[in-house]
Amino acid sequence: MTEHLTLAVSAAKAAARHLLMLFEQRPRVEAKYSSQLLTDADLLAEKAILEVLEDRHPDHSIVSEESGIKQAQSPFTWYVDPLDGTTNFITGCAYFSVSIALARDDEIVAATVLNPVTDELYTATRGGGSYLNGQRIQCRETDRAAVALVGTDLSVNKPAYALKGQSLTEVLNQGCRAVVINRAPALDLCNIARGRLDALIDNGSRAVDHAAGSLVLSEAKGRVRNFLHPSWSPATTGIIAAAGPLLQPLVNLLGLPDATGTTPSRIDPPSHLPRTGLDPSRQHRGDAEHPSNDRK
């Protein structure tokens, strides 16, 4: 492992110890926003991660799910979600993870996603491949949406978003073998990388949700793009991710713009999601302009 990846894994394991301790207990739950939940587990896990990262690299910027932004004069930014899948955690479902990624400028260079319950540790470095507990992984290849098992998570905290999400889900249900909603995009991306899922469509995910998993998938021969933009920037809202050959058929199915700027006439895609660019200060989940406040 590289030094940065080793650090990320250490931080994830520190957080996982708190999550495991609290998982079988009845967590204290608060409403962070109108439709998003916060538990003491989120806060304890985040504190453990930040202590590890800041001790080693106090000069790095950090974008964290609960604490928001720590801006520094550095090309490096850590993207931290201490508990991706809070709703699952609260309801006793073991589909949640710690997700940590390091970006240099706009490129993710190291990532780890850890499920504390199953002890499945996903790791990846730019150009170094993807691994599950030290074993190389690769997504399965299919180019047929009709046989694909697709994960999705749609922003529904405002009526307009809900209507767009319902249209999207209807199209996927008609065009794919099955659609599942796991509410934990980091693990969904990793499960595409290992061949359990074929794709993820998420119109509201942000960097803390998808940064780590996007590198794990890319290094496992998967492909990622932003929801409304054919290019990929981890700091931009929304993601479409798939086993390599499947990405374009899904884009065509959904009627979204492709790399040529062509938009197939299929559905009316959401037009409300902003391109946030590289400004980490726009990544805090409390920012009212982002539709992803129901992620948890």
C-alpha atoms as a PDB file:
ATOM      1  CA  MET A   1       0.000   0.000   0.000  1.00  0.00           C
ATOM      2  CA  THR A   2       1.025   3.584  -0.538  1.00  0.00           C
ATOM      3  CA  GLU A   3       1.492   5.812   2.489  1.00  0.00           C
ATOM      4  CA  HIS A   4      -1.766   7.627   1.810  1.00  0.00           C
ATOM      5  CA  LEU A   5      -3.756   4.433   1.380  1.00  0.00           C
ATOM      6  CA  THR A   6      -2.270   2.945   4.540  1.00  0.00           C
ATOM      7  CA  LEU A   7      -3.353   6.061   6.399  1.00  0.00           C
ATOM      8  CA  ALA A   8      -6.875   5.878   4.967  1.00  0.00           C
ATOM      9  CA  VAL A   9      -7.203   2.228   5.994  1.00  0.00           C
ATOM     10  CA  SER A  10      -6.005   3.016   9.511  1.00  0.00           C
ATOM     11  CA  ALA A  11      -8.564   5.808   9.792  1.00  0.00           C
ATOM     12  CA  ALA A  12     -11.366   3.587   8.456  1.00  0.00           C
ATOM     13  CA  LYS A  13     -10.552   0.836  10.949  1.00  0.00           C
ATOM     14  CA  ALA A  14     -10.524   3.347  13.813  1.00  0.00           C
ATOM     15  CA  ALA A  15     -14.020   4.450  12.809  1.00  0.00           C
ATOM     16  CA  ALA A  16     -15.208   0.875  12.297  1.00  0.00           C
ATOM     17  CA  ARG A  17     -14.459   0.013  15.915  1.00  0.00           C
ATOM     18  CA  HIS A  18     -16.949   2.645  17.066  1.00  0.00           C
ATOM     19  CA  LEU A  19     -19.564   1.557  14.528  1.00  0.00           C
ATOM     20  CA  LEU A  20     -19.326  -2.089  15.528  1.00  0.00           C
ATOM     21  CA  MET A  21     -19.641  -1.202  19.191  1.00  0.00           C
ATOM     22  CA  LEU A  22     -22.813   0.790  18.580  1.00  0.00           C
ATOM     23  CA  PHE A  23     -24.409  -1.327  15.846  1.00  0.00           C
ATOM     24  CA  GLU A  24     -26.141  -3.759  18.194  1.00  0.00           C
ATOM     25  CA  GLN A  25     -27.248  -1.005  20.542  1.00  0.00           C
ATOM     26  CA  ARG A  26     -30.182   1.315  20.087  1.00  0.00           C
ATOM     27  CA  PRO A  27     -28.585   4.417  18.583  1.00  0.00           C
ATOM     28  CA  ARG A  28     -29.539   7.951  19.486  1.00  0.00           C
ATOM     29  CA  VAL A  29     -31.121   9.414  16.358  1.00  0.00           C
ATOM     30  CA  GLU A  30     -31.579  13.060  15.410  1.00  0.00           C
ATOM     31  CA  ALA A  31     -33.077  14.711  12.342  1.00  0.00           C
ATOM     32  CA  LYS A  32     -30.078  16.456  10.771  1.00  0.00           C
ATOM     33  CA  TYR A  33     -32.214  18.024   8.056  1.00  0.00           C
ATOM     34  CA  SER A  34     -35.827  17.563   7.052  1.00  0.00           C
ATOM     35  CA  SER A  35     -35.300  14.018   5.787  1.00  0.00           C
ATOM     36  CA  GLN A  36     -31.776  13.098   6.853  1.00  0.00           C
ATOM     37  CA  LEU A  37     -30.751  11.267   9.983  1.00  0.00           C
ATOM     38  CA  LEU A  38     -27.787  11.634  12.294  1.00  0.00           C
ATOM     39  CA  THR A  39     -26.656   9.271  15.044  1.00  0.00           C
ATOM     40  CA  ASP A  40     -24.008   9.358  17.726  1.00  0.00           C
ATOM     41  CA  ALA A  41     -22.247   6.679  15.659  1.00  0.00           C
ATOM     42  CA  ASP A  42     -21.774   9.132  12.764  1.00  0.00           C
ATOM     43  CA  LEU A  43     -20.135  11.631  15.089  1.00  0.00           C
ATOM     44  CA  LEU A  44     -17.886   9.193  16.947  1.00  0.00           C
ATOM     45  CA  ALA A  45     -16.717   7.538  13.724  1.00  0.00           C
ATOM     46  CA  GLU A  46     -15.981  10.875  12.090  1.00  0.00           C
ATOM     47  CA  LYS A  47     -14.022  12.084  15.113  1.00  0.00           C
ATOM     48  CA  ALA A  48     -11.856   8.950  14.983  1.00  0.00           C
ATOM     49  CA  ILE A  49     -11.139   9.437  11.265  1.00  0.00           C
ATOM     50  CA  LEU A  50     -10.296  13.111  11.516  1.00  0.00           C
ATOM     51  CA  GLU A  51      -7.915  12.516  14.406  1.00  0.00           C
ATOM     52  CA  VAL A  52      -5.929  10.033  12.319  1.00  0.00           C
ATOM     53  CA  LEU A  53      -5.858  12.162   9.155  1.00  0.00           C
ATOM     54  CA  GLU A  54      -5.111  15.493  10.823  1.00  0.00           C
ATOM     55  CA  ASP A  55      -2.382  14.034  12.977  1.00  0.00           C
ATOM     56  CA  ARG A  56      -0.451  12.919   9.879  1.00  0.00           C
ATOM     57  CA  HIS A  57      -1.455  15.636   7.405  1.00  0.00           C
ATOM     58  CA  PRO A  58      -2.641  18.813   9.143  1.00  0.00           C
ATOM     59  CA  ASP A  59      -1.946  20.696   5.915  1.00  0.00           C
ATOM     60  CA  HIS A  60      -4.514  18.762   3.839  1.00  0.00           C
ATOM     61  CA  SER A  61      -8.050  19.950   3.127  1.00  0.00           C
ATOM     62  CA  ILE A  62     -10.902  17.775   4.387  1.00  0.00           C
ATOM     63  CA  VAL A  63     -14.511  17.502   3.223  1.00  0.00           C
ATOM     64  CA  SER A  64     -16.402  15.464   5.805  1.00  0.00           C
ATOM     65  CA  GLU A  65     -20.023  14.377   6.005  1.00  0.00           C
ATOM     66  CA  GLU A  66     -20.799  15.803   9.422  1.00  0.00           C
ATOM     67  CA  SER A  67     -18.135  18.458  10.085  1.00  0.00           C
ATOM     68  CA  GLY A  68     -18.199  20.035   6.646  1.00  0.00           C
ATOM     69  CA  ILE A  69     -15.126  21.753   5.241  1.00  0.00           C
ATOM     70  CA  LYS A  70     -11.626  22.264   6.496  1.00  0.00           C
ATOM     71  CA  GLN A  71      -9.956  24.328   3.781  1.00  0.00           C
ATOM     72  CA  ALA A  72      -6.150  24.324   3.516  1.00  0.00           C
ATOM     73  CA  GLN A  73      -3.623  25.540   0.988  1.00  0.00           C
ATOM     74  CA  SER A  74      -2.871  22.118  -0.402  1.00  0.00           C
ATOM     75  CA  PRO A  75      -3.591  20.220  -3.633  1.00  0.00           C
ATOM     76  CA  PHE A  76      -4.763  17.300  -1.464  1.00  0.00           C
ATOM     77  CA  THR A  77      -8.329  16.901  -0.194  1.00  0.00           C
ATOM     78  CA  TRP A  78      -9.732  14.043   1.876  1.00  0.00           C
ATOM     79  CA  TYR A  79     -13.369  13.082   1.286  1.00  0.00           C
ATOM     80  CA  VAL A  80     -14.809  11.382   4.360  1.00  0.00           C
ATOM     81  CA  ASP A  81     -18.124   9.674   5.003  1.00  0.00           C
ATOM     82  CA  PRO A  82     -17.845   8.048   8.446  1.00  0.00           C
ATOM     83  CA  LEU A  83     -21.106   6.159   8.040  1.00  0.00           C
ATOM     84  CA  ASP A  84     -22.433   5.737   4.528  1.00  0.00           C
ATOM     85  CA  GLY A  85     -25.820   4.098   5.002  1.00  0.00           C
ATOM     86  CA  THR A  86     -27.015   5.588   8.276  1.00  0.00           C
ATOM     87  CA  THR A  87     -30.607   4.465   7.723  1.00  0.00           C
ATOM     88  CA  ASN A  88     -29.430   0.879   7.278  1.00  0.00           C
ATOM     89  CA  PHE A  89     -27.315   1.168  10.424  1.00  0.00           C
ATOM     90  CA  ILE A  90     -30.289   2.428  12.449  1.00  0.00           C
ATOM     91  CA  THR A  91     -32.604  -0.338  11.231  1.00  0.00           C
ATOM     92  CA  GLY A  92     -30.108  -3.138  11.891  1.00  0.00           C
ATOM     93  CA  CYS A  93     -29.184  -3.781   8.264  1.00  0.00           C
ATOM     94  CA  ALA A  94     -25.464  -4.521   7.874  1.00  0.00           C
ATOM     95  CA  TYR A  95     -25.197  -2.710   4.533  1.00  0.00           C
ATOM     96  CA  PHE A  96     -23.206   0.352   5.561  1.00  0.00           C
ATOM     97  CA  SER A  97     -19.587   1.414   5.384  1.00  0.00           C
ATOM     98  CA  VAL A  98     -16.815   3.832   6.210  1.00  0.00           C
ATOM     99  CA  SER A  99     -15.725   5.632   3.033  1.00  0.00           C
ATOM    100  CA  ILE A 100     -12.486   7.624   2.703  1.00  0.00           C
ATOM    101  CA  ALA A 101     -10.827   8.983  -0.436  1.00  0.00           C
ATOM    102  CA  LEU A 102      -7.889  11.258  -1.152  1.00  0.00           C
ATOM    103  CA  ALA A 103      -7.924  13.580  -4.162  1.00  0.00           C
ATOM    104  CA  ARG A 104      -5.058  15.478  -5.675  1.00  0.00           C
ATOM    105  CA  ASP A 105      -6.740  18.410  -7.354  1.00  0.00           C
ATOM    106  CA  ASP A 106      -9.733  16.782  -9.106  1.00  0.00           C
ATOM    107  CA  GLU A 107      -8.343  13.241  -9.321  1.00  0.00           C
ATOM    108  CA  ILE A 108      -8.934  10.571  -6.696  1.00  0.00           C
ATOM    109  CA  VAL A 109      -5.594   8.888  -6.012  1.00  0.00           C
ATOM    110  CA  ALA A 110      -6.338   6.579  -3.060  1.00  0.00           C
ATOM    111  CA  ALA A 111      -9.517   5.137  -1.599  1.00  0.00           C
ATOM    112  CA  THR A 112     -10.855   2.680   0.912  1.00  0.00           C
ATOM    113  CA  VAL A 113     -14.356   1.480   1.765  1.00  0.00           C
ATOM    114  CA  LEU A 114     -14.838  -0.753   4.812  1.00  0.00           C
ATOM    115  CA  ASN A 115     -17.931  -2.660   5.914  1.00  0.00           C
ATOM    116  CA  PRO A 116     -17.341  -3.065   9.664  1.00  0.00           C
ATOM    117  CA  VAL A 117     -19.788  -5.957  10.070  1.00  0.00           C
ATOM    118  CA  THR A 118     -18.579  -8.214   7.245  1.00  0.00           C
ATOM    119  CA  ASP A 119     -14.981  -6.951   7.551  1.00  0.00           C
ATOM    120  CA  GLU A 120     -14.862  -6.441   3.787  1.00  0.00           C
ATOM    121  CA  LEU A 121     -12.105  -3.929   3.076  1.00  0.00           C
ATOM    122  CA  TYR A 122     -11.988  -2.436  -0.420  1.00  0.00           C
ATOM    123  CA  THR A 123      -8.862  -0.539  -1.428  1.00  0.00           C
ATOM    124  CA  ALA A 124      -7.646   1.141  -4.583  1.00  0.00           C
ATOM    125  CA  THR A 125      -4.899   3.459  -5.797  1.00  0.00           C
ATOM    126  CA  ARG A 126      -4.767   5.319  -9.098  1.00  0.00           C
ATOM    127  CA  GLY A 127      -3.197   2.929 -11.605  1.00  0.00           C
ATOM    128  CA  GLY A 128      -2.716   0.232  -8.976  1.00  0.00           C
ATOM    129  CA  GLY A 129      -5.907  -1.803  -9.284  1.00  0.00           C
ATOM    130  CA  SER A 130      -8.738  -2.597  -6.856  1.00  0.00           C
ATOM    131  CA  TYR A 131      -8.667  -5.118  -4.045  1.00  0.00           C
ATOM    132  CA  LEU A 132     -11.033  -6.784  -1.608  1.00  0.00           C
ATOM    133  CA  ASN A 133      -9.191  -7.941   1.501  1.00  0.00           C
ATOM    134  CA  GLY A 134      -5.991  -8.063  -0.524  1.00  0.00           C
ATOM    135  CA  GLN A 135      -7.419  -9.998  -3.494  1.00  0.00           C
ATOM    136  CA  ARG A 136      -7.688  -8.311  -6.893  1.00  0.00           C
ATOM    137  CA  ILE A 137     -11.267  -7.723  -8.043  1.00  0.00           C
ATOM    138  CA  GLN A 138     -12.865  -6.916 -11.386  1.00  0.00           C
ATOM    139  CA  CYS A 139     -16.422  -6.125 -12.403  1.00  0.00           C
ATOM    140  CA  ARG A 140     -18.309  -8.513 -14.637  1.00  0.00           C
ATOM    141  CA  GLU A 141     -18.796  -7.358 -18.182  1.00  0.00           C
ATOM    142  CA  THR A 142     -22.166  -6.985 -19.831  1.00  0.00           C
ATOM    143  CA  ASP A 143     -23.407  -4.512 -22.389  1.00  0.00           C
ATOM    144  CA  ARG A 144     -27.102  -5.365 -22.065  1.00  0.00           C
ATOM    145  CA  ALA A 145     -29.237  -3.210 -19.793  1.00  0.00           C
ATOM    146  CA  ALA A 146     -32.015  -5.803 -20.019  1.00  0.00           C
ATOM    147  CA  VAL A 147     -30.003  -8.303 -17.955  1.00  0.00           C
ATOM    148  CA  ALA A 148     -28.448  -5.798 -15.564  1.00  0.00           C
ATOM    149  CA  LEU A 149     -28.957  -5.646 -11.806  1.00  0.00           C
ATOM    150  CA  VAL A 150     -28.962  -1.922 -11.070  1.00  0.00           C
ATOM    151  CA  GLY A 151     -28.704  -0.056  -7.798  1.00  0.00           C
ATOM    152  CA  THR A 152     -30.220   3.389  -7.438  1.00  0.00           C
ATOM    153  CA  ASP A 153     -30.765   6.083  -4.836  1.00  0.00           C
ATOM    154  CA  LEU A 154     -32.804   9.110  -5.747  1.00  0.00           C
ATOM    155  CA  SER A 155     -33.147  12.493  -4.092  1.00  0.00           C
ATOM    156  CA  VAL A 156     -36.732  13.003  -2.954  1.00  0.00           C
ATOM    157  CA  ASN A 157     -36.559  15.805  -0.390  1.00  0.00           C
ATOM    158  CA  LYS A 158     -38.497  18.189  -2.630  1.00  0.00           C
ATOM    159  CA  PRO A 159     -41.608  17.372  -4.716  1.00  0.00           C
ATOM    160  CA  ALA A 160     -39.910  18.230  -8.023  1.00  0.00           C
ATOM    161  CA  TYR A 161     -36.997  15.899  -7.257  1.00  0.00           C
ATOM    162  CA  ALA A 162     -39.390  13.139  -6.244  1.00  0.00           C
ATOM    163  CA  LEU A 163     -41.235  13.344  -9.565  1.00  0.00           C
ATOM    164  CA  LYS A 164     -37.969  13.181 -11.525  1.00  0.00           C
ATOM    165  CA  GLY A 165     -36.827  10.263  -9.402  1.00  0.00           C
ATOM    166  CA  GLN A 166     -40.050   8.382  -9.971  1.00  0.00           C
ATOM    167  CA  SER A 167     -39.680   8.820 -13.743  1.00  0.00           C
ATOM    168  CA  LEU A 168     -36.114   7.542 -13.585  1.00  0.00           C
ATOM    169  CA  THR A 169     -37.058   4.513 -11.514  1.00  0.00           C
ATOM    170  CA  GLU A 170     -39.884   3.651 -13.895  1.00  0.00           C
ATOM    171  CA  VAL A 171     -37.520   3.699 -16.869  1.00  0.00           C
ATOM    172  CA  LEU A 172     -34.989   1.505 -15.056  1.00  0.00           C
ATOM    173  CA  ASN A 173     -37.644  -0.972 -13.938  1.00  0.00           C
ATOM    174  CA  GLN A 174     -38.858  -1.323 -17.514  1.00  0.00           C
ATOM    175  CA  GLY A 175     -35.416  -1.543 -19.099  1.00  0.00           C
ATOM    176  CA  CYS A 176     -33.358  -3.597 -16.616  1.00  0.00           C
ATOM    177  CA  ARG A 177     -33.607  -7.014 -15.005  1.00  0.00           C
ATOM    178  CA  ALA A 178     -33.991  -5.637 -11.467  1.00  0.00           C
ATOM    179  CA  VAL A 179     -33.563  -2.399  -9.554  1.00  0.00           C
ATOM    180  CA  VAL A 180     -32.530  -2.258  -5.899  1.00  0.00           C
ATOM    181  CA  ILE A 181     -32.334   0.678  -3.497  1.00  0.00           C
ATOM    182  CA  ASN A 182     -29.632   0.057  -0.906  1.00  0.00           C
ATOM    183  CA  ARG A 183     -29.125   3.651   0.312  1.00  0.00           C
ATOM    184  CA  ALA A 184     -25.372   3.168   0.582  1.00  0.00           C
ATOM    185  CA  PRO A 185     -23.716   4.280  -2.665  1.00  0.00           C
ATOM    186  CA  ALA A 186     -20.129   3.636  -1.544  1.00  0.00           C
ATOM    187  CA  LEU A 187     -20.869  -0.070  -1.052  1.00  0.00           C
ATOM    188  CA  ASP A 188     -22.945  -0.201  -4.231  1.00  0.00           C
ATOM    189  CA  LEU A 189     -19.945   1.032  -6.234  1.00  0.00           C
ATOM    190  CA  CYS A 190     -17.720  -1.563  -4.593  1.00  0.00           C
ATOM    191  CA  ASN A 191     -20.244  -4.292  -5.306  1.00  0.00           C
ATOM    192  CA  ILE A 192     -20.170  -3.362  -8.979  1.00  0.00           C
ATOM    193  CA  ALA A 193     -16.394  -3.644  -8.803  1.00  0.00           C
ATOM    194  CA  ARG A 194     -16.611  -7.175  -7.425  1.00  0.00           C
ATOM    195  CA  GLY A 195     -19.422  -8.314  -9.753  1.00  0.00           C
ATOM    196  CA  ARG A 196     -22.424  -8.397  -7.433  1.00  0.00           C
ATOM    197  CA  LEU A 197     -24.142  -5.426  -9.075  1.00  0.00           C
ATOM    198  CA  ASP A 198     -23.916  -4.178 -12.639  1.00  0.00           C
ATOM    199  CA  ALA A 199     -24.585  -0.463 -12.222  1.00  0.00           C
ATOM    200  CA  LEU A 200     -25.509   2.420  -9.932  1.00  0.00           C
ATOM    201  CA  ILE A 201     -27.658   5.402 -10.912  1.00  0.00           C
ATOM    202  CA  ASP A 202     -27.693   8.163  -8.297  1.00  0.00           C
ATOM    203  CA  ASN A 203     -28.845  11.670  -9.177  1.00  0.00           C
ATOM    204  CA  GLY A 204     -27.913  13.279  -5.861  1.00  0.00           C
ATOM    205  CA  SER A 205     -24.687  11.724  -4.628  1.00  0.00           C
ATOM    206  CA  ARG A 206     -21.793  14.034  -3.813  1.00  0.00           C
ATOM    207  CA  ALA A 207     -18.086  13.618  -3.260  1.00  0.00           C
ATOM    208  CA  VAL A 208     -18.335  12.173   0.253  1.00  0.00           C
ATOM    209  CA  ASP A 209     -20.782   9.569  -1.078  1.00  0.00           C
ATOM    210  CA  HIS A 210     -19.021   8.446  -4.236  1.00  0.00           C
ATOM    211  CA  ALA A 211     -15.374   9.546  -4.240  1.00  0.00           C
ATOM    212  CA  ALA A 212     -13.869   6.403  -2.734  1.00  0.00           C
ATOM    213  CA  GLY A 213     -16.167   3.938  -4.462  1.00  0.00           C
ATOM    214  CA  SER A 214     -15.635   5.581  -7.846  1.00  0.00           C
ATOM    215  CA  LEU A 215     -11.905   4.815  -7.740  1.00  0.00           C
ATOM    216  CA  VAL A 216     -12.496   1.258  -6.537  1.00  0.00           C
ATOM    217  CA  LEU A 217     -14.799   0.725  -9.515  1.00  0.00           C
ATOM    218  CA  SER A 218     -12.621   2.492 -12.074  1.00  0.00           C
ATOM    219  CA  GLU A 219      -9.622   0.421 -11.089  1.00  0.00           C
ATOM    220  CA  ALA A 220     -11.745  -2.733 -11.458  1.00  0.00           C
ATOM    221  CA  LYS A 221     -12.415  -1.937 -15.150  1.00  0.00           C
ATOM    222  CA  GLY A 222     -15.656  -0.116 -14.493  1.00  0.00           C
ATOM    223  CA  ARG A 223     -16.647   3.309 -15.787  1.00  0.00           C
ATOM    224  CA  VAL A 224     -18.112   6.353 -14.091  1.00  0.00           C
ATOM    225  CA  ARG A 225     -19.591   9.654 -15.222  1.00  0.00           C
ATOM    226  CA  ASN A 226     -21.613  12.402 -13.611  1.00  0.00           C
ATOM    227  CA  PHE A 227     -25.363  12.166 -13.807  1.00  0.00           C
ATOM    228  CA  LEU A 228     -25.934  15.123 -16.119  1.00  0.00           C
ATOM    229  CA  HIS A 229     -22.430  15.465 -17.537  1.00  0.00           C
ATOM    230  CA  PRO A 230     -20.676  12.841 -19.701  1.00  0.00           C
ATOM    231  CA  SER A 231     -17.340  13.694 -18.098  1.00  0.00           C
ATOM    232  CA  TRP A 232     -16.357  12.701 -14.563  1.00  0.00           C
ATOM    233  CA  SER A 233     -15.521  14.999 -11.688  1.00  0.00           C
ATOM    234  CA  PRO A 234     -15.864  13.556  -8.189  1.00  0.00           C
ATOM    235  CA  ALA A 235     -16.801  17.016  -6.897  1.00  0.00           C
ATOM    236  CA  THR A 236     -19.872  17.171  -9.161  1.00  0.00           C
ATOM    237  CA  THR A 237     -23.312  16.041  -8.029  1.00  0.00           C
ATOM    238  CA  GLY A 238     -24.660  12.704  -9.259  1.00  0.00           C
ATOM    239  CA  ILE A 239     -23.123   9.540 -10.682  1.00  0.00           C
ATOM    240  CA  ILE A 240     -23.772   6.856 -13.262  1.00  0.00           C
ATOM    241  CA  ALA A 241     -21.450   3.909 -12.738  1.00  0.00           C
ATOM    242  CA  ALA A 242     -21.330   0.549 -14.442  1.00  0.00           C
ATOM    243  CA  ALA A 243     -19.290  -2.321 -15.704  1.00  0.00           C
ATOM    244  CA  GLY A 244     -17.439  -0.777 -18.649  1.00  0.00           C
ATOM    245  CA  PRO A 245     -19.530  -1.864 -21.667  1.00  0.00           C
ATOM    246  CA  LEU A 246     -22.820  -1.202 -19.871  1.00  0.00           C
ATOM    247  CA  LEU A 247     -22.393   2.513 -19.234  1.00  0.00           C
ATOM    248  CA  GLN A 248     -23.404   3.811 -22.659  1.00  0.00           C
ATOM    249  CA  PRO A 249     -26.481   1.545 -22.970  1.00  0.00           C
ATOM    250  CA  LEU A 250     -27.676   2.872 -19.603  1.00  0.00           C
ATOM    251  CA  VAL A 251     -27.090   6.466 -20.674  1.00  0.00           C
ATOM    252  CA  ASN A 252     -29.118   5.780 -23.821  1.00  0.00           C
ATOM    253  CA  LEU A 253     -31.870   4.130 -21.778  1.00  0.00           C
ATOM    254  CA  LEU A 254     -32.138   7.107 -19.454  1.00  0.00           C
ATOM    255  CA  GLY A 255     -32.054   9.668 -22.242  1.00  0.00           C
ATOM    256  CA  LEU A 256     -29.078  11.553 -20.819  1.00  0.00           C
ATOM    257  CA  PRO A 257     -26.433  13.491 -22.775  1.00  0.00           C
ATOM    258  CA  ASP A 258     -23.554  11.417 -24.111  1.00  0.00           C
ATOM    259  CA  ALA A 259     -20.005  12.493 -24.888  1.00  0.00           C
ATOM    260  CA  THR A 260     -21.101  13.998 -28.207  1.00  0.00           C
ATOM    261  CA  GLY A 261     -23.726  16.168 -26.520  1.00  0.00           C
ATOM    262  CA  THR A 262     -26.551  14.115 -28.044  1.00  0.00           C
ATOM    263  CA  THR A 263     -29.555  13.497 -25.790  1.00  0.00           C
ATOM    264  CA  PRO A 264     -31.742  10.537 -26.816  1.00  0.00           C
ATOM    265  CA  SER A 265     -35.455  11.258 -26.471  1.00  0.00           C
ATOM    266  CA  ARG A 266     -36.441   8.918 -23.663  1.00  0.00           C
ATOM    267  CA  ILE A 267     -37.254  10.727 -20.415  1.00  0.00           C
ATOM    268  CA  ASP A 268     -37.133  14.284 -19.163  1.00  0.00           C
ATOM    269  CA  PRO A 269     -33.937  14.174 -17.091  1.00  0.00           C
ATOM    270  CA  PRO A 270     -33.654  16.286 -13.930  1.00  0.00           C
ATOM    271  CA  SER A 271     -32.435  19.784 -14.672  1.00  0.00           C
ATOM    272  CA  HIS A 272     -31.947  20.985 -11.108  1.00  0.00           C
ATOM    273  CA  LEU A 273     -28.632  19.434 -10.224  1.00  0.00           C
ATOM    274  CA  PRO A 274     -25.745  21.920 -10.246  1.00  0.00           C
ATOM    275  CA  ARG A 275     -22.211  21.301 -11.382  1.00  0.00           C
ATOM    276  CA  THR A 276     -20.253  22.173  -8.276  1.00  0.00           C
ATOM    277  CA  GLY A 277     -16.771  22.206  -9.819  1.00  0.00           C
ATOM    278  CA  LEU A 278     -13.783  21.939  -7.534  1.00  0.00           C
ATOM    279  CA  ASP A 279     -14.812  24.207  -4.663  1.00  0.00           C
ATOM    280  CA  PRO A 280     -14.845  21.992  -1.549  1.00  0.00           C
ATOM    281  CA  SER A 281     -16.931  24.567   0.292  1.00  0.00           C
ATOM    282  CA  ARG A 282     -19.880  23.550  -1.875  1.00  0.00           C
ATOM    283  CA  GLN A 283     -19.673  19.919  -0.778  1.00  0.00           C
ATOM    284  CA  HIS A 284     -21.167  20.276   2.716  1.00  0.00           C
ATOM    285  CA  ARG A 285     -24.391  18.326   2.884  1.00  0.00           C
ATOM    286  CA  GLY A 286     -26.099  21.200   4.648  1.00  0.00           C
ATOM    287  CA  ASP A 287     -25.952  23.369   1.535  1.00  0.00           C
ATOM    288  CA  ALA A 288     -29.604  23.852   0.679  1.00  0.00           C
ATOM    289  CA  GLU A 289     -28.966  23.996  -3.057  1.00  0.00           C
ATOM    290  CA  HIS A 290     -27.953  20.354  -3.163  1.00  0.00           C
ATOM    291  CA  PRO A 291     -30.808  17.845  -3.477  1.00  0.00           C
ATOM    292  CA  SER A 292     -28.965  15.072  -1.647  1.00  0.00           C
ATOM    293  CA  ASN A 293     -30.002  15.935   1.898  1.00  0.00           C
ATOM    294  CA  ASP A 294     -32.010  12.720   2.040  1.00  0.00           C
ATOM    295  CA  ARG A 295     -28.981  10.488   1.385  1.00  0.00           C
ATOM    296  CA  LYS A 296     -29.147   8.893   4.801  1.00  0.00           C
END
